[in-house]
Amino acid sequence: MQIGELAEATGLSRDTLRYYEKRGLLAARRSGNGYRDYPEEAADLLRYIRLAQTLGFTLQEIEADLPLLAVPARDGAATAAAIHAALQAKMAEIDRRIGGLQELRGELARRLGAQIEDCPLRAGATSAMA
């Protein structure tokens, strides 16, 4: 499958495909005329990469996990277990980020509340309303 066909099949741009190839996420053979020739399963791999990105995985994390996908596992058990472990680790990371963001939000709200209380306009507005 040539690059244009793969781009059309996956909805990705040719530049994105070249970038993924440069990073080692995707491999192409070169035909006699120098054109890239991708195997049929490349479209499935690219769908996996895009899905993993939408789930919050970085390209670096996806690159690290690609060897797990390439290893033939008996009945898919090893690959499924590896993917399950990666998803659990990602969920734990997201939970840590949420906790940190909640702390940050609380601190910002506290500071915002303190600034509103100390605001000279607030004091004038309160006495003007009385």
Protein backbone atom coordinates (compact mmCIF):
# COMPACT_ATOMS: atom_id res chain seq x y z
CA MET A 1 0.00 0.00 0.00
CA GLN A 2 1.48 3.35 -0.99
CA ILE A 3 1.55 6.37 1.29
CA GLY A 4 -1.45 8.05 -0.35
CA GLU A 5 -3.56 4.93 0.02
CA LEU A 6 -2.57 4.55 3.67
CA ALA A 7 -3.29 8.21 4.32
CA GLU A 8 -6.74 7.84 2.78
CA ALA A 9 -7.45 4.60 4.66
CA THR A 10 -6.54 6.11 8.04
CA GLY A 11 -7.46 9.77 7.63
CA LEU A 12 -3.91 10.79 8.52
CA SER A 13 -1.82 13.14 6.43
CA ARG A 14 1.19 11.98 4.46
CA ASP A 15 3.32 14.24 6.67
CA THR A 16 2.03 12.46 9.77
CA LEU A 17 2.84 9.08 8.23
CA ARG A 18 6.35 10.23 7.36
CA TYR A 19 6.77 11.58 10.90
CA TYR A 20 5.65 8.28 12.42
CA GLU A 21 8.06 6.46 10.13
CA LYS A 22 10.90 8.80 11.14
CA ARG A 23 10.14 8.07 14.83
CA GLY A 24 10.15 4.33 14.17
CA LEU A 25 6.44 3.81 14.83
CA LEU A 26 5.82 2.75 11.24
CA ALA A 27 7.96 0.90 8.75
CA ALA A 28 7.78 0.89 4.99
CA ARG A 29 9.62 -1.05 2.36
CA ARG A 30 10.94 0.89 -0.62
CA SER A 31 9.88 -0.29 -4.04
CA GLY A 32 12.18 -0.15 -7.04
CA ASN A 33 11.02 3.37 -7.88
CA GLY A 34 11.70 4.57 -4.32
CA TYR A 35 8.05 4.78 -3.27
CA ARG A 36 7.11 3.73 0.23
CA ASP A 37 5.23 0.44 0.35
CA TYR A 38 3.36 -0.20 3.60
CA PRO A 39 2.00 -3.59 4.64
CA GLU A 40 -1.78 -3.95 4.95
CA GLU A 41 -1.57 -4.22 8.76
CA ALA A 42 -0.06 -0.72 8.93
CA ALA A 43 -3.59 0.74 8.90
CA ASP A 44 -4.50 -1.28 12.01
CA LEU A 45 -1.32 -0.17 13.75
CA LEU A 46 -2.08 3.47 12.93
CA ARG A 47 -5.61 3.13 14.30
CA TYR A 48 -4.11 1.74 17.51
CA ILE A 49 -1.66 4.66 17.72
CA ARG A 50 -4.44 7.22 17.23
CA LEU A 51 -6.66 5.50 19.80
CA ALA A 52 -3.81 5.38 22.31
CA GLN A 53 -3.23 9.10 21.76
CA THR A 54 -6.90 9.88 22.35
CA LEU A 55 -6.66 7.90 25.60
CA GLY A 56 -3.85 10.18 26.73
CA PHE A 57 -0.76 8.18 25.83
CA THR A 58 2.19 10.11 24.43
CA LEU A 59 4.02 8.96 21.33
CA GLN A 60 6.96 8.10 23.57
CA GLU A 61 4.75 5.80 25.66
CA ILE A 62 3.27 4.26 22.51
CA GLU A 63 6.75 3.65 21.12
CA ALA A 64 7.71 1.85 24.32
CA ASP A 65 4.65 -0.39 24.07
CA LEU A 66 4.94 -1.27 20.37
CA PRO A 67 7.27 -4.23 20.96
CA LEU A 68 4.56 -5.75 23.16
CA LEU A 69 2.17 -5.63 20.24
CA ALA A 70 4.65 -7.21 17.86
CA VAL A 71 5.37 -10.22 20.09
CA PRO A 72 3.21 -13.16 19.06
CA ALA A 73 1.40 -14.21 22.21
CA ARG A 74 -0.44 -17.47 22.66
CA ASP A 75 -4.13 -16.62 22.41
CA GLY A 76 -3.22 -12.93 22.81
CA ALA A 77 -2.95 -13.38 26.58
CA ALA A 78 0.48 -11.78 27.04
CA THR A 79 -0.35 -8.84 24.80
CA ALA A 80 -3.74 -8.33 26.47
CA ALA A 81 -2.10 -8.43 29.90
CA ALA A 82 0.56 -5.93 28.83
CA ILE A 83 -2.03 -3.57 27.38
CA HIS A 84 -4.14 -3.94 30.54
CA ALA A 85 -1.12 -3.07 32.70
CA ALA A 86 -0.32 -0.05 30.53
CA LEU A 87 -3.92 1.19 30.80
CA GLN A 88 -3.88 0.74 34.58
CA ALA A 89 -0.62 2.68 34.84
CA LYS A 90 -2.09 5.45 32.68
CA MET A 91 -5.21 5.61 34.89
CA ALA A 92 -3.01 5.91 37.98
CA GLU A 93 -1.08 8.74 36.33
CA ILE A 94 -4.34 10.51 35.43
CA ASP A 95 -5.56 10.13 39.02
CA ARG A 96 -2.29 11.70 40.27
CA ARG A 97 -2.72 14.58 37.83
CA ILE A 98 -6.35 15.09 38.88
CA GLY A 99 -5.28 15.19 42.53
CA GLY A 100 -2.62 17.77 41.75
CA LEU A 101 -5.04 19.85 39.69
CA GLN A 102 -7.61 19.75 42.50
CA GLU A 103 -4.98 20.98 44.95
CA LEU A 104 -3.98 23.74 42.54
CA ARG A 105 -7.62 24.73 42.02
CA GLY A 106 -8.19 24.88 45.77
CA GLU A 107 -5.14 27.07 46.24
CA LEU A 108 -6.20 29.39 43.40
CA ALA A 109 -9.72 29.65 44.84
CA ARG A 110 -8.28 30.44 48.28
CA ARG A 111 -6.05 33.17 46.84
CA LEU A 112 -8.84 34.55 44.70
CA GLY A 113 -11.13 34.69 47.73
CA ALA A 114 -8.44 36.46 49.74
CA GLN A 115 -7.93 39.01 46.96
CA ILE A 116 -11.64 39.70 46.73
CA GLU A 117 -11.85 40.18 50.50
CA ASP A 118 -8.89 42.60 50.39
CA CYS A 119 -10.12 44.48 47.33
CA PRO A 120 -10.69 48.21 48.08
CA LEU A 121 -13.58 48.30 45.64
CA ARG A 122 -15.33 45.59 47.63
CA ALA A 123 -15.14 47.62 50.85
CA GLY A 124 -16.52 50.70 49.07
CA ALA A 125 -19.25 48.72 47.41
CA THR A 126 -20.29 47.25 50.74
CA SER A 127 -20.47 50.64 52.51
CA ALA A 128 -22.25 52.24 49.53
CA MET A 129 -24.91 49.52 49.64
CA ALA A 130 -25.58 50.10 53.36
